Amino acid sequence: MSAVQFRPMKLWTAGAQKNWQLAGYQLELVRDSLTEAVALYTDIPVENITMVDPPIRSIERAIAARNSAAFSRAFAELTTGCNACHQSIGRGFIVMKVPAASPFSNQSFSPQGGKGNDARR
């Protein structure tokens, strides 16, 4: 599950730096992680994963609109959804929060000005 924790941190950092291409890519990885979590951890009801669909769609719209304020709101909603899931499966001791700073000093999150393709892998 540590990859699940790293991916939202990278998503948040990319959005905070307004690197919308990277944020889109990281959002795709967050979605993949949730799909993997359902397969690997059979005690997680599918409803718990689908309850974060609305915040994920909100993040996707914020990225498409390049809207930092909407991104921040949607990311906070995603964090709340993650914590609600943890509570419902008896793991309320796992409490996520919106990151205060990036722990990834070995990666630049600044937009690179048109390098690369779209946000899809």
PDB file of N, CA and C in Angstrom:
ATOM      1  N   MET A   1       0.811  -1.192   0.000  1.00  0.00           N
ATOM      2  CA  MET A   1       0.000   0.000   0.000  1.00  0.00           C
ATOM      3  C   MET A   1       0.860   1.264   0.000  1.00  0.00           C
ATOM      4  N   SER A   2       2.169   1.129   0.159  1.00  0.00           N
ATOM      5  CA  SER A   2       2.995   2.344   0.171  1.00  0.00           C
ATOM      6  C   SER A   2       2.948   3.065  -1.172  1.00  0.00           C
ATOM      7  N   ALA A   3       2.841   2.316  -2.265  1.00  0.00           N
ATOM      8  CA  ALA A   3       2.709   2.967  -3.572  1.00  0.00           C
ATOM      9  C   ALA A   3       1.425   3.782  -3.620  1.00  0.00           C
ATOM     10  N   VAL A   4       0.382   3.278  -2.978  1.00  0.00           N
ATOM     11  CA  VAL A   4      -0.881   4.004  -2.929  1.00  0.00           C
ATOM     12  C   VAL A   4      -0.687   5.330  -2.204  1.00  0.00           C
ATOM     13  N   GLN A   5       0.171   5.354  -1.211  1.00  0.00           N
ATOM     14  CA  GLN A   5       0.433   6.595  -0.471  1.00  0.00           C
ATOM     15  C   GLN A   5       1.306   7.548  -1.289  1.00  0.00           C
ATOM     16  N   PHE A   6       2.286   7.030  -1.997  1.00  0.00           N
ATOM     17  CA  PHE A   6       3.177   7.889  -2.779  1.00  0.00           C
ATOM     18  C   PHE A   6       2.455   8.557  -3.946  1.00  0.00           C
ATOM     19  N   ARG A   7       1.561   7.841  -4.579  1.00  0.00           N
ATOM     20  CA  ARG A   7       0.915   8.384  -5.775  1.00  0.00           C
ATOM     21  C   ARG A   7       0.093   9.630  -5.486  1.00  0.00           C
ATOM     22  N   PRO A   8      -0.746   9.655  -4.428  1.00  0.00           N
ATOM     23  CA  PRO A   8      -1.437  10.911  -4.137  1.00  0.00           C
ATOM     24  C   PRO A   8      -0.487  12.045  -3.760  1.00  0.00           C
ATOM     25  N   MET A   9       0.640  11.723  -3.114  1.00  0.00           N
ATOM     26  CA  MET A   9       1.602  12.782  -2.791  1.00  0.00           C
ATOM     27  C   MET A   9       2.173  13.388  -4.072  1.00  0.00           C
ATOM     28  N   LYS A  10       2.481  12.535  -5.042  1.00  0.00           N
ATOM     29  CA  LYS A  10       2.994  13.043  -6.316  1.00  0.00           C
ATOM     30  C   LYS A  10       1.910  13.798  -7.070  1.00  0.00           C
ATOM     31  N   LEU A  11       0.677  13.308  -6.995  1.00  0.00           N
ATOM     32  CA  LEU A  11      -0.444  14.019  -7.619  1.00  0.00           C
ATOM     33  C   LEU A  11      -0.585  15.407  -7.022  1.00  0.00           C
ATOM     34  N   TRP A  12      -0.590  15.487  -5.704  1.00  0.00           N
ATOM     35  CA  TRP A  12      -0.723  16.780  -5.026  1.00  0.00           C
ATOM     36  C   TRP A  12       0.432  17.708  -5.403  1.00  0.00           C
ATOM     37  N   THR A  13       1.649  17.196  -5.392  1.00  0.00           N
ATOM     38  CA  THR A  13       2.817  18.023  -5.700  1.00  0.00           C
ATOM     39  C   THR A  13       2.749  18.544  -7.130  1.00  0.00           C
ATOM     40  N   ALA A  14       2.382  17.683  -8.062  1.00  0.00           N
ATOM     41  CA  ALA A  14       2.259  18.125  -9.457  1.00  0.00           C
ATOM     42  C   ALA A  14       1.195  19.207  -9.587  1.00  0.00           C
ATOM     43  N   GLY A  15       0.052  19.018  -8.927  1.00  0.00           N
ATOM     44  CA  GLY A  15      -0.998  20.024  -8.978  1.00  0.00           C
ATOM     45  C   GLY A  15      -0.589  21.324  -8.311  1.00  0.00           C
ATOM     46  N   ALA A  16       0.099  21.226  -7.187  1.00  0.00           N
ATOM     47  CA  ALA A  16       0.564  22.423  -6.481  1.00  0.00           C
ATOM     48  C   ALA A  16       1.554  23.212  -7.333  1.00  0.00           C
ATOM     49  N   GLN A  17       2.331  22.524  -8.152  1.00  0.00           N
ATOM     50  CA  GLN A  17       3.299  23.173  -9.035  1.00  0.00           C
ATOM     51  C   GLN A  17       2.696  23.544 -10.393  1.00  0.00           C
ATOM     52  N   LYS A  18       1.406  23.245 -10.554  1.00  0.00           N
ATOM     53  CA  LYS A  18       0.686  23.524 -11.803  1.00  0.00           C
ATOM     54  C   LYS A  18       1.285  22.790 -12.997  1.00  0.00           C
ATOM     55  N   ASN A  19       1.815  21.621 -12.730  1.00  0.00           N
ATOM     56  CA  ASN A  19       2.297  20.755 -13.799  1.00  0.00           C
ATOM     57  C   ASN A  19       1.132  19.822 -14.139  1.00  0.00           C
ATOM     58  N   TRP A  20       0.212  20.327 -14.947  1.00  0.00           N
ATOM     59  CA  TRP A  20      -1.041  19.628 -15.212  1.00  0.00           C
ATOM     60  C   TRP A  20      -0.836  18.337 -15.977  1.00  0.00           C
ATOM     61  N   GLN A  21       0.161  18.289 -16.818  1.00  0.00           N
ATOM     62  CA  GLN A  21       0.459  17.050 -17.546  1.00  0.00           C
ATOM     63  C   GLN A  21       0.870  15.948 -16.567  1.00  0.00           C
ATOM     64  N   LEU A  22       1.768  16.267 -15.661  1.00  0.00           N
ATOM     65  CA  LEU A  22       2.199  15.298 -14.664  1.00  0.00           C
ATOM     66  C   LEU A  22       1.057  14.958 -13.708  1.00  0.00           C
ATOM     67  N   ALA A  23       0.259  15.939 -13.341  1.00  0.00           N
ATOM     68  CA  ALA A  23      -0.878  15.683 -12.450  1.00  0.00           C
ATOM     69  C   ALA A  23      -1.847  14.696 -13.104  1.00  0.00           C
ATOM     70  N   GLY A  24      -2.110  14.858 -14.390  1.00  0.00           N
ATOM     71  CA  GLY A  24      -2.979  13.925 -15.095  1.00  0.00           C
ATOM     72  C   GLY A  24      -2.434  12.513 -15.094  1.00  0.00           C
ATOM     73  N   TYR A  25      -1.142  12.409 -15.304  1.00  0.00           N
ATOM     74  CA  TYR A  25      -0.485  11.106 -15.278  1.00  0.00           C
ATOM     75  C   TYR A  25      -0.576  10.483 -13.884  1.00  0.00           C
ATOM     76  N   GLN A  26      -0.309  11.268 -12.856  1.00  0.00           N
ATOM     77  CA  GLN A  26      -0.362  10.749 -11.491  1.00  0.00           C
ATOM     78  C   GLN A  26      -1.784  10.359 -11.101  1.00  0.00           C
ATOM     79  N   LEU A  27      -2.777  11.096 -11.586  1.00  0.00           N
ATOM     80  CA  LEU A  27      -4.161  10.739 -11.301  1.00  0.00           C
ATOM     81  C   LEU A  27      -4.484   9.373 -11.896  1.00  0.00           C
ATOM     82  N   GLU A  28      -3.985   9.118 -13.087  1.00  0.00           N
ATOM     83  CA  GLU A  28      -4.180   7.801 -13.705  1.00  0.00           C
ATOM     84  C   GLU A  28      -3.558   6.705 -12.829  1.00  0.00           C
ATOM     85  N   LEU A  29      -2.389   6.966 -12.268  1.00  0.00           N
ATOM     86  CA  LEU A  29      -1.748   5.986 -11.390  1.00  0.00           C
ATOM     87  C   LEU A  29      -2.523   5.801 -10.090  1.00  0.00           C
ATOM     88  N   VAL A  30      -3.117   6.874  -9.570  1.00  0.00           N
ATOM     89  CA  VAL A  30      -3.954   6.757  -8.372  1.00  0.00           C
ATOM     90  C   VAL A  30      -5.130   5.829  -8.679  1.00  0.00           C
ATOM     91  N   ARG A  31      -5.765   6.030  -9.803  1.00  0.00           N
ATOM     92  CA  ARG A  31      -6.880   5.149 -10.201  1.00  0.00           C
ATOM     93  C   ARG A  31      -6.420   3.694 -10.277  1.00  0.00           C
ATOM     94  N   ASP A  32      -5.269   3.468 -10.898  1.00  0.00           N
ATOM     95  CA  ASP A  32      -4.734   2.108 -11.005  1.00  0.00           C
ATOM     96  C   ASP A  32      -4.496   1.505  -9.627  1.00  0.00           C
ATOM     97  N   SER A  33      -3.986   2.302  -8.704  1.00  0.00           N
ATOM     98  CA  SER A  33      -3.721   1.823  -7.346  1.00  0.00           C
ATOM     99  C   SER A  33      -5.004   1.390  -6.645  1.00  0.00           C
ATOM    100  N   LEU A  34      -6.072   2.143  -6.849  1.00  0.00           N
ATOM    101  CA  LEU A  34      -7.349   1.793  -6.229  1.00  0.00           C
ATOM    102  C   LEU A  34      -7.886   0.487  -6.793  1.00  0.00           C
ATOM    103  N   THR A  35      -7.718   0.294  -8.082  1.00  0.00           N
ATOM    104  CA  THR A  35      -8.141  -0.964  -8.708  1.00  0.00           C
ATOM    105  C   THR A  35      -7.337  -2.129  -8.135  1.00  0.00           C
ATOM    106  N   GLU A  36      -6.042  -1.929  -7.985  1.00  0.00           N
ATOM    107  CA  GLU A  36      -5.184  -2.971  -7.414  1.00  0.00           C
ATOM    108  C   GLU A  36      -5.550  -3.252  -5.966  1.00  0.00           C
ATOM    109  N   ALA A  37      -5.911  -2.221  -5.216  1.00  0.00           N
ATOM    110  CA  ALA A  37      -6.263  -2.401  -3.804  1.00  0.00           C
ATOM    111  C   ALA A  37      -7.473  -3.309  -3.665  1.00  0.00           C
ATOM    112  N   VAL A  38      -8.470  -3.140  -4.519  1.00  0.00           N
ATOM    113  CA  VAL A  38      -9.659  -3.992  -4.461  1.00  0.00           C
ATOM    114  C   VAL A  38      -9.283  -5.443  -4.728  1.00  0.00           C
ATOM    115  N   ALA A  39      -8.366  -5.661  -5.663  1.00  0.00           N
ATOM    116  CA  ALA A  39      -7.961  -7.025  -6.008  1.00  0.00           C
ATOM    117  C   ALA A  39      -7.090  -7.659  -4.914  1.00  0.00           C
ATOM    118  N   LEU A  40      -6.209  -6.867  -4.319  1.00  0.00           N
ATOM    119  CA  LEU A  40      -5.269  -7.412  -3.342  1.00  0.00           C
ATOM    120  C   LEU A  40      -5.830  -7.518  -1.930  1.00  0.00           C
ATOM    121  N   TYR A  41      -6.692  -6.582  -1.560  1.00  0.00           N
ATOM    122  CA  TYR A  41      -7.223  -6.536  -0.202  1.00  0.00           C
ATOM    123  C   TYR A  41      -8.713  -6.820  -0.271  1.00  0.00           C
ATOM    124  N   THR A  42      -9.046  -8.094  -0.141  1.00  0.00           N
ATOM    125  CA  THR A  42     -10.431  -8.521  -0.348  1.00  0.00           C
ATOM    126  C   THR A  42     -11.378  -8.032   0.744  1.00  0.00           C
ATOM    127  N   ASP A  43     -10.857  -7.481   1.825  1.00  0.00           N
ATOM    128  CA  ASP A  43     -11.727  -6.958   2.883  1.00  0.00           C
ATOM    129  C   ASP A  43     -12.194  -5.528   2.605  1.00  0.00           C
ATOM    130  N   ILE A  44     -11.769  -4.954   1.489  1.00  0.00           N
ATOM    131  CA  ILE A  44     -12.208  -3.607   1.126  1.00  0.00           C
ATOM    132  C   ILE A  44     -13.438  -3.748   0.235  1.00  0.00           C
ATOM    133  N   PRO A  45     -14.592  -3.310   0.714  1.00  0.00           N
ATOM    134  CA  PRO A  45     -15.782  -3.374  -0.144  1.00  0.00           C
ATOM    135  C   PRO A  45     -15.616  -2.469  -1.366  1.00  0.00           C
ATOM    136  N   VAL A  46     -16.109  -2.934  -2.491  1.00  0.00           N
ATOM    137  CA  VAL A  46     -16.013  -2.165  -3.733  1.00  0.00           C
ATOM    138  C   VAL A  46     -16.640  -0.790  -3.556  1.00  0.00           C
ATOM    139  N   GLU A  47     -17.710  -0.694  -2.749  1.00  0.00           N
ATOM    140  CA  GLU A  47     -18.357   0.595  -2.514  1.00  0.00           C
ATOM    141  C   GLU A  47     -17.382   1.609  -1.920  1.00  0.00           C
ATOM    142  N   ASN A  48     -16.444   1.148  -1.122  1.00  0.00           N
ATOM    143  CA  ASN A  48     -15.467   2.060  -0.530  1.00  0.00           C
ATOM    144  C   ASN A  48     -14.562   2.675  -1.584  1.00  0.00           C
ATOM    145  N   ILE A  49     -14.245   1.911  -2.589  1.00  0.00           N
ATOM    146  CA  ILE A  49     -13.395   2.425  -3.660  1.00  0.00           C
ATOM    147  C   ILE A  49     -14.211   3.354  -4.555  1.00  0.00           C
ATOM    148  N   THR A  50     -15.444   2.960  -4.854  1.00  0.00           N
ATOM    149  CA  THR A  50     -16.251   3.791  -5.744  1.00  0.00           C
ATOM    150  C   THR A  50     -16.678   5.091  -5.075  1.00  0.00           C
ATOM    151  N   MET A  51     -16.626   5.167  -3.752  1.00  0.00           N
ATOM    152  CA  MET A  51     -16.996   6.421  -3.087  1.00  0.00           C
ATOM    153  C   MET A  51     -15.976   7.528  -3.348  1.00  0.00           C
ATOM    154  N   VAL A  52     -14.794   7.174  -3.807  1.00  0.00           N
ATOM    155  CA  VAL A  52     -13.820   8.213  -4.149  1.00  0.00           C
ATOM    156  C   VAL A  52     -13.888   8.592  -5.625  1.00  0.00           C
ATOM    157  N   ASP A  53     -14.808   7.981  -6.360  1.00  0.00           N
ATOM    158  CA  ASP A  53     -14.976   8.353  -7.772  1.00  0.00           C
ATOM    159  C   ASP A  53     -15.335   9.826  -7.949  1.00  0.00           C
ATOM    160  N   PRO A  54     -16.300  10.370  -7.182  1.00  0.00           N
ATOM    161  CA  PRO A  54     -16.616  11.796  -7.381  1.00  0.00           C
ATOM    162  C   PRO A  54     -15.420  12.727  -7.171  1.00  0.00           C
ATOM    163  N   PRO A  55     -14.627  12.559  -6.089  1.00  0.00           N
ATOM    164  CA  PRO A  55     -13.462  13.442  -5.973  1.00  0.00           C
ATOM    165  C   PRO A  55     -12.434  13.233  -7.090  1.00  0.00           C
ATOM    166  N   ILE A  56     -12.288  12.012  -7.547  1.00  0.00           N
ATOM    167  CA  ILE A  56     -11.347  11.750  -8.640  1.00  0.00           C
ATOM    168  C   ILE A  56     -11.822  12.446  -9.917  1.00  0.00           C
ATOM    169  N   ARG A  57     -13.117  12.385 -10.192  1.00  0.00           N
ATOM    170  CA  ARG A  57     -13.646  13.091 -11.366  1.00  0.00           C
ATOM    171  C   ARG A  57     -13.471  14.603 -11.211  1.00  0.00           C
ATOM    172  N   SER A  58     -13.641  15.091  -9.977  1.00  0.00           N
ATOM    173  CA  SER A  58     -13.434  16.528  -9.732  1.00  0.00           C
ATOM    174  C   SER A  58     -11.985  16.918  -9.963  1.00  0.00           C
ATOM    175  N   ILE A  59     -11.065  16.077  -9.539  1.00  0.00           N
ATOM    176  CA  ILE A  59      -9.640  16.340  -9.783  1.00  0.00           C
ATOM    177  C   ILE A  59      -9.372  16.344 -11.281  1.00  0.00           C
ATOM    178  N   GLU A  60      -9.949  15.389 -11.972  1.00  0.00           N
ATOM    179  CA  GLU A  60      -9.759  15.311 -13.424  1.00  0.00           C
ATOM    180  C   GLU A  60     -10.248  16.589 -14.112  1.00  0.00           C
ATOM    181  N   ARG A  61     -11.408  17.078 -13.705  1.00  0.00           N
ATOM    182  CA  ARG A  61     -11.931  18.322 -14.289  1.00  0.00           C
ATOM    183  C   ARG A  61     -11.037  19.514 -13.942  1.00  0.00           C
ATOM    184  N   ALA A  62     -10.543  19.557 -12.714  1.00  0.00           N
ATOM    185  CA  ALA A  62      -9.664  20.655 -12.303  1.00  0.00           C
ATOM    186  C   ALA A  62      -8.368  20.646 -13.105  1.00  0.00           C
ATOM    187  N   ILE A  63      -7.839  19.460 -13.349  1.00  0.00           N
ATOM    188  CA  ILE A  63      -6.618  19.344 -14.155  1.00  0.00           C
ATOM    189  C   ILE A  63      -6.894  19.819 -15.576  1.00  0.00           C
ATOM    190  N   ALA A  64      -7.998  19.365 -16.146  1.00  0.00           N
ATOM    191  CA  ALA A  64      -8.338  19.761 -17.516  1.00  0.00           C
ATOM    192  C   ALA A  64      -8.525  21.276 -17.621  1.00  0.00           C
ATOM    193  N   ALA A  65      -9.097  21.880 -16.575  1.00  0.00           N
ATOM    194  CA  ALA A  65      -9.334  23.328 -16.577  1.00  0.00           C
ATOM    195  C   ALA A  65      -8.122  24.112 -16.093  1.00  0.00           C
ATOM    196  N   ARG A  66      -7.098  23.385 -15.618  1.00  0.00           N
ATOM    197  CA  ARG A  66      -5.902  24.027 -15.054  1.00  0.00           C
ATOM    198  C   ARG A  66      -6.297  24.998 -13.940  1.00  0.00           C
ATOM    199  N   ASN A  67      -7.160  24.504 -13.064  1.00  0.00           N
ATOM    200  CA  ASN A  67      -7.739  25.310 -11.996  1.00  0.00           C
ATOM    201  C   ASN A  67      -7.180  24.864 -10.648  1.00  0.00           C
ATOM    202  N   SER A  68      -6.243  25.620 -10.120  1.00  0.00           N
ATOM    203  CA  SER A  68      -5.573  25.256  -8.868  1.00  0.00           C
ATOM    204  C   SER A  68      -6.522  25.196  -7.681  1.00  0.00           C
ATOM    205  N   ALA A  69      -7.437  26.161  -7.590  1.00  0.00           N
ATOM    206  CA  ALA A  69      -8.365  26.183  -6.451  1.00  0.00           C
ATOM    207  C   ALA A  69      -9.275  24.960  -6.483  1.00  0.00           C
ATOM    208  N   ALA A  70      -9.804  24.625  -7.655  1.00  0.00           N
ATOM    209  CA  ALA A  70     -10.660  23.443  -7.778  1.00  0.00           C
ATOM    210  C   ALA A  70      -9.863  22.175  -7.501  1.00  0.00           C
ATOM    211  N   PHE A  71      -8.620  22.157  -7.951  1.00  0.00           N
ATOM    212  CA  PHE A  71      -7.758  21.001  -7.691  1.00  0.00           C
ATOM    213  C   PHE A  71      -7.574  20.809  -6.182  1.00  0.00           C
ATOM    214  N   SER A  72      -7.277  21.868  -5.469  1.00  0.00           N
ATOM    215  CA  SER A  72      -7.058  21.778  -4.020  1.00  0.00           C
ATOM    216  C   SER A  72      -8.308  21.285  -3.299  1.00  0.00           C
ATOM    217  N   ARG A  73      -9.476  21.811  -3.679  1.00  0.00           N
ATOM    218  CA  ARG A  73     -10.732  21.374  -3.060  1.00  0.00           C
ATOM    219  C   ARG A  73     -10.979  19.893  -3.325  1.00  0.00           C
ATOM    220  N   ALA A  74     -10.802  19.483  -4.573  1.00  0.00           N
ATOM    221  CA  ALA A  74     -11.052  18.096  -4.944  1.00  0.00           C
ATOM    222  C   ALA A  74     -10.060  17.154  -4.269  1.00  0.00           C
ATOM    223  N   PHE A  75      -8.813  17.592  -4.144  1.00  0.00           N
ATOM    224  CA  PHE A  75      -7.818  16.751  -3.478  1.00  0.00           C
ATOM    225  C   PHE A  75      -8.183  16.573  -2.006  1.00  0.00           C
ATOM    226  N   ALA A  76      -8.665  17.624  -1.367  1.00  0.00           N
ATOM    227  CA  ALA A  76      -9.103  17.529   0.029  1.00  0.00           C
ATOM    228  C   ALA A  76     -10.272  16.554   0.148  1.00  0.00           C
ATOM    229  N   GLU A  77     -11.194  16.577  -0.820  1.00  0.00           N
ATOM    230  CA  GLU A  77     -12.318  15.638  -0.822  1.00  0.00           C
ATOM    231  C   GLU A  77     -11.828  14.203  -1.001  1.00  0.00           C
ATOM    232  N   LEU A  78     -10.840  14.011  -1.852  1.00  0.00           N
ATOM    233  CA  LEU A  78     -10.266  12.677  -2.038  1.00  0.00           C
ATOM    234  C   LEU A  78      -9.652  12.184  -0.736  1.00  0.00           C
ATOM    235  N   THR A  79      -8.945  13.046  -0.049  1.00  0.00           N
ATOM    236  CA  THR A  79      -8.321  12.687   1.225  1.00  0.00           C
ATOM    237  C   THR A  79      -9.381  12.292   2.243  1.00  0.00           C
ATOM    238  N   THR A  80     -10.479  13.028   2.295  1.00  0.00           N
ATOM    239  CA  THR A  80     -11.587  12.694   3.191  1.00  0.00           C
ATOM    240  C   THR A  80     -12.170  11.332   2.834  1.00  0.00           C
ATOM    241  N   GLY A  81     -12.310  11.069   1.542  1.00  0.00           N
ATOM    242  CA  GLY A  81     -12.817   9.776   1.094  1.00  0.00           C
ATOM    243  C   GLY A  81     -11.903   8.628   1.479  1.00  0.00           C
ATOM    244  N   CYS A  82     -10.607   8.834   1.360  1.00  0.00           N
ATOM    245  CA  CYS A  82      -9.645   7.802   1.763  1.00  0.00           C
ATOM    246  C   CYS A  82      -9.794   7.500   3.250  1.00  0.00           C
ATOM    247  N   ASN A  83      -9.898   8.542   4.052  1.00  0.00           N
ATOM    248  CA  ASN A  83     -10.029   8.348   5.500  1.00  0.00           C
ATOM    249  C   ASN A  83     -11.352   7.671   5.855  1.00  0.00           C
ATOM    250  N   ALA A  84     -12.423   7.987   5.140  1.00  0.00           N
ATOM    251  CA  ALA A  84     -13.710   7.336   5.383  1.00  0.00           C
ATOM    252  C   ALA A  84     -13.611   5.840   5.080  1.00  0.00           C
ATOM    253  N   CYS A  85     -12.910   5.506   4.013  1.00  0.00           N
ATOM    254  CA  CYS A  85     -12.705   4.094   3.675  1.00  0.00           C
ATOM    255  C   CYS A  85     -11.925   3.397   4.787  1.00  0.00           C
ATOM    256  N   HIS A  86     -10.858   4.019   5.239  1.00  0.00           N
ATOM    257  CA  HIS A  86     -10.054   3.424   6.313  1.00  0.00           C
ATOM    258  C   HIS A  86     -10.911   3.175   7.555  1.00  0.00           C
ATOM    259  N   GLN A  87     -11.741   4.147   7.903  1.00  0.00           N
ATOM    260  CA  GLN A  87     -12.629   4.012   9.065  1.00  0.00           C
ATOM    261  C   GLN A  87     -13.563   2.815   8.891  1.00  0.00           C
ATOM    262  N   SER A  88     -14.154   2.708   7.699  1.00  0.00           N
ATOM    263  CA  SER A  88     -15.182   1.694   7.478  1.00  0.00           C
ATOM    264  C   SER A  88     -14.642   0.272   7.485  1.00  0.00           C
ATOM    265  N   ILE A  89     -13.359   0.099   7.237  1.00  0.00           N
ATOM    266  CA  ILE A  89     -12.786  -1.260   7.251  1.00  0.00           C
ATOM    267  C   ILE A  89     -12.002  -1.526   8.532  1.00  0.00           C
ATOM    268  N   GLY A  90     -12.203  -0.662   9.533  1.00  0.00           N
ATOM    269  CA  GLY A  90     -11.559  -0.891  10.827  1.00  0.00           C
ATOM    270  C   GLY A  90     -10.096  -0.504  10.872  1.00  0.00           C
ATOM    271  N   ARG A  91      -9.692   0.353   9.965  1.00  0.00           N
ATOM    272  CA  ARG A  91      -8.298   0.813   9.952  1.00  0.00           C
ATOM    273  C   ARG A  91      -8.248   2.329  10.096  1.00  0.00           C
ATOM    274  N   GLY A  92      -9.068   2.839  10.998  1.00  0.00           N
ATOM    275  CA  GLY A  92      -9.128   4.273  11.227  1.00  0.00           C
ATOM    276  C   GLY A  92      -7.837   4.860  11.754  1.00  0.00           C
ATOM    277  N   PHE A  93      -6.923   3.998  12.158  1.00  0.00           N
ATOM    278  CA  PHE A  93      -5.605   4.464  12.608  1.00  0.00           C
ATOM    279  C   PHE A  93      -4.745   4.920  11.439  1.00  0.00           C
ATOM    280  N   ILE A  94      -5.167   4.614  10.206  1.00  0.00           N
ATOM    281  CA  ILE A  94      -4.475   5.109   9.010  1.00  0.00           C
ATOM    282  C   ILE A  94      -5.186   6.393   8.613  1.00  0.00           C
ATOM    283  N   VAL A  95      -4.581   7.519   8.916  1.00  0.00           N
ATOM    284  CA  VAL A  95      -5.192   8.823   8.655  1.00  0.00           C
ATOM    285  C   VAL A  95      -4.330   9.571   7.646  1.00  0.00           C
ATOM    286  N   MET A  96      -4.936   9.858   6.511  1.00  0.00           N
ATOM    287  CA  MET A  96      -4.237  10.591   5.464  1.00  0.00           C
ATOM    288  C   MET A  96      -4.518  12.083   5.645  1.00  0.00           C
ATOM    289  N   LYS A  97      -3.622  12.907   5.123  1.00  0.00           N
ATOM    290  CA  LYS A  97      -3.833  14.354   5.139  1.00  0.00           C
ATOM    291  C   LYS A  97      -3.239  14.942   3.866  1.00  0.00           C
ATOM    292  N   VAL A  98      -3.678  16.135   3.562  1.00  0.00           N
ATOM    293  CA  VAL A  98      -3.123  16.833   2.404  1.00  0.00           C
ATOM    294  C   VAL A  98      -1.664  17.139   2.720  1.00  0.00           C
ATOM    295  N   PRO A  99      -0.744  16.789   1.827  1.00  0.00           N
ATOM    296  CA  PRO A  99       0.680  17.026   2.114  1.00  0.00           C
ATOM    297  C   PRO A  99       0.992  18.508   2.337  1.00  0.00           C
ATOM    298  N   ALA A 100       1.957  18.749   3.199  1.00  0.00           N
ATOM    299  CA  ALA A 100       2.420  20.121   3.455  1.00  0.00           C
ATOM    300  C   ALA A 100       3.613  20.468   2.572  1.00  0.00           C
ATOM    301  N   ALA A 101       4.329  19.447   2.124  1.00  0.00           N
ATOM    302  CA  ALA A 101       5.510  19.648   1.285  1.00  0.00           C
ATOM    303  C   ALA A 101       5.804  18.342   0.554  1.00  0.00           C
ATOM    304  N   SER A 102       6.508  18.439  -0.531  1.00  0.00           N
ATOM    305  CA  SER A 102       6.874  17.253  -1.294  1.00  0.00           C
ATOM    306  C   SER A 102       8.075  16.554  -0.654  1.00  0.00           C
ATOM    307  N   PRO A 103       7.977  15.239  -0.463  1.00  0.00           N
ATOM    308  CA  PRO A 103       9.137  14.499   0.034  1.00  0.00           C
ATOM    309  C   PRO A 103      10.061  14.044  -1.098  1.00  0.00           C
ATOM    310  N   PHE A 104       9.746  14.429  -2.330  1.00  0.00           N
ATOM    311  CA  PHE A 104      10.473  13.927  -3.490  1.00  0.00           C
ATOM    312  C   PHE A 104      11.504  14.942  -3.964  1.00  0.00           C
ATOM    313  N   SER A 105      12.610  14.992  -3.272  1.00  0.00           N
ATOM    314  CA  SER A 105      13.647  15.955  -3.634  1.00  0.00           C
ATOM    315  C   SER A 105      14.420  15.533  -4.881  1.00  0.00           C
ATOM    316  N   ASN A 106      14.206  14.313  -5.335  1.00  0.00           N
ATOM    317  CA  ASN A 106      14.931  13.829  -6.507  1.00  0.00           C
ATOM    318  C   ASN A 106      14.116  13.958  -7.795  1.00  0.00           C
ATOM    319  N   GLN A 107      13.001  14.693  -7.742  1.00  0.00           N
ATOM    320  CA  GLN A 107      12.190  14.888  -8.939  1.00  0.00           C
ATOM    321  C   GLN A 107      11.727  16.334  -9.025  1.00  0.00           C
ATOM    322  N   SER A 108      11.844  16.897 -10.210  1.00  0.00           N
ATOM    323  CA  SER A 108      11.312  18.235 -10.452  1.00  0.00           C
ATOM    324  C   SER A 108       9.844  18.103 -10.838  1.00  0.00           C
ATOM    325  N   PHE A 109       9.010  18.876 -10.187  1.00  0.00           N
ATOM    326  CA  PHE A 109       7.584  18.870 -10.484  1.00  0.00           C
ATOM    327  C   PHE A 109       7.163  20.108 -11.265  1.00  0.00           C
ATOM    328  N   SER A 110       8.103  20.958 -11.587  1.00  0.00           N
ATOM    329  CA  SER A 110       7.795  22.165 -12.360  1.00  0.00           C
ATOM    330  C   SER A 110       7.425  21.777 -13.787  1.00  0.00           C
ATOM    331  N   PRO A 111       6.457  22.472 -14.389  1.00  0.00           N
ATOM    332  CA  PRO A 111       6.110  22.184 -15.786  1.00  0.00           C
ATOM    333  C   PRO A 111       7.331  22.381 -16.681  1.00  0.00           C
ATOM    334  N   GLN A 112       7.446  21.543 -17.685  1.00  0.00           N
ATOM    335  CA  GLN A 112       8.607  21.582 -18.567  1.00  0.00           C
ATOM    336  C   GLN A 112       8.304  22.174 -19.931  1.00  0.00           C
ATOM    337  N   GLY A 113       7.160  22.783 -20.105  1.00  0.00           N
ATOM    338  CA  GLY A 113       6.869  23.515 -21.334  1.00  0.00           C
ATOM    339  C   GLY A 113       6.788  22.696 -22.588  1.00  0.00           C
ATOM    340  N   GLY A 114       5.779  21.843 -22.687  1.00  0.00           N
ATOM    341  CA  GLY A 114       5.507  21.147 -23.939  1.00  0.00           C
ATOM    342  C   GLY A 114       6.326  19.920 -24.199  1.00  0.00           C
ATOM    343  N   LYS A 115       7.117  19.478 -23.249  1.00  0.00           N
ATOM    344  CA  LYS A 115       7.898  18.268 -23.475  1.00  0.00           C
ATOM    345  C   LYS A 115       7.030  17.063 -23.169  1.00  0.00           C
ATOM    346  N   GLY A 116       7.122  16.061 -24.000  1.00  0.00           N
ATOM    347  CA  GLY A 116       6.370  14.843 -23.790  1.00  0.00           C
ATOM    348  C   GLY A 116       5.023  14.884 -24.484  1.00  0.00           C
ATOM    349  N   ASN A 117       4.267  13.816 -24.292  1.00  0.00           N
ATOM    350  CA  ASN A 117       2.957  13.688 -24.901  1.00  0.00           C
ATOM    351  C   ASN A 117       1.910  14.151 -23.921  1.00  0.00           C
ATOM    352  N   ASP A 118       0.693  13.732 -24.138  1.00  0.00           N
ATOM    353  CA  ASP A 118      -0.371  14.101 -23.211  1.00  0.00           C
ATOM    354  C   ASP A 118      -0.184  13.348 -21.901  1.00  0.00           C
ATOM    355  N   ALA A 119      -1.136  13.497 -21.007  1.00  0.00           N
ATOM    356  CA  ALA A 119      -1.016  12.931 -19.661  1.00  0.00           C
ATOM    357  C   ALA A 119      -1.227  11.421 -19.632  1.00  0.00           C
ATOM    358  N   ARG A 120      -1.626  10.827 -20.702  1.00  0.00           N
ATOM    359  CA  ARG A 120      -1.872   9.381 -20.732  1.00  0.00           C
ATOM    360  C   ARG A 120      -0.570   8.624 -20.929  1.00  0.00           C
ATOM    361  N   ARG A 121      -0.514   7.443 -20.315  1.00  0.00           N
ATOM    362  CA  ARG A 121       0.656   6.596 -20.475  1.00  0.00           C
ATOM    363  C   ARG A 121       0.682   5.991 -21.838  1.00  0.00           C
TER     364      ARG A 121
END
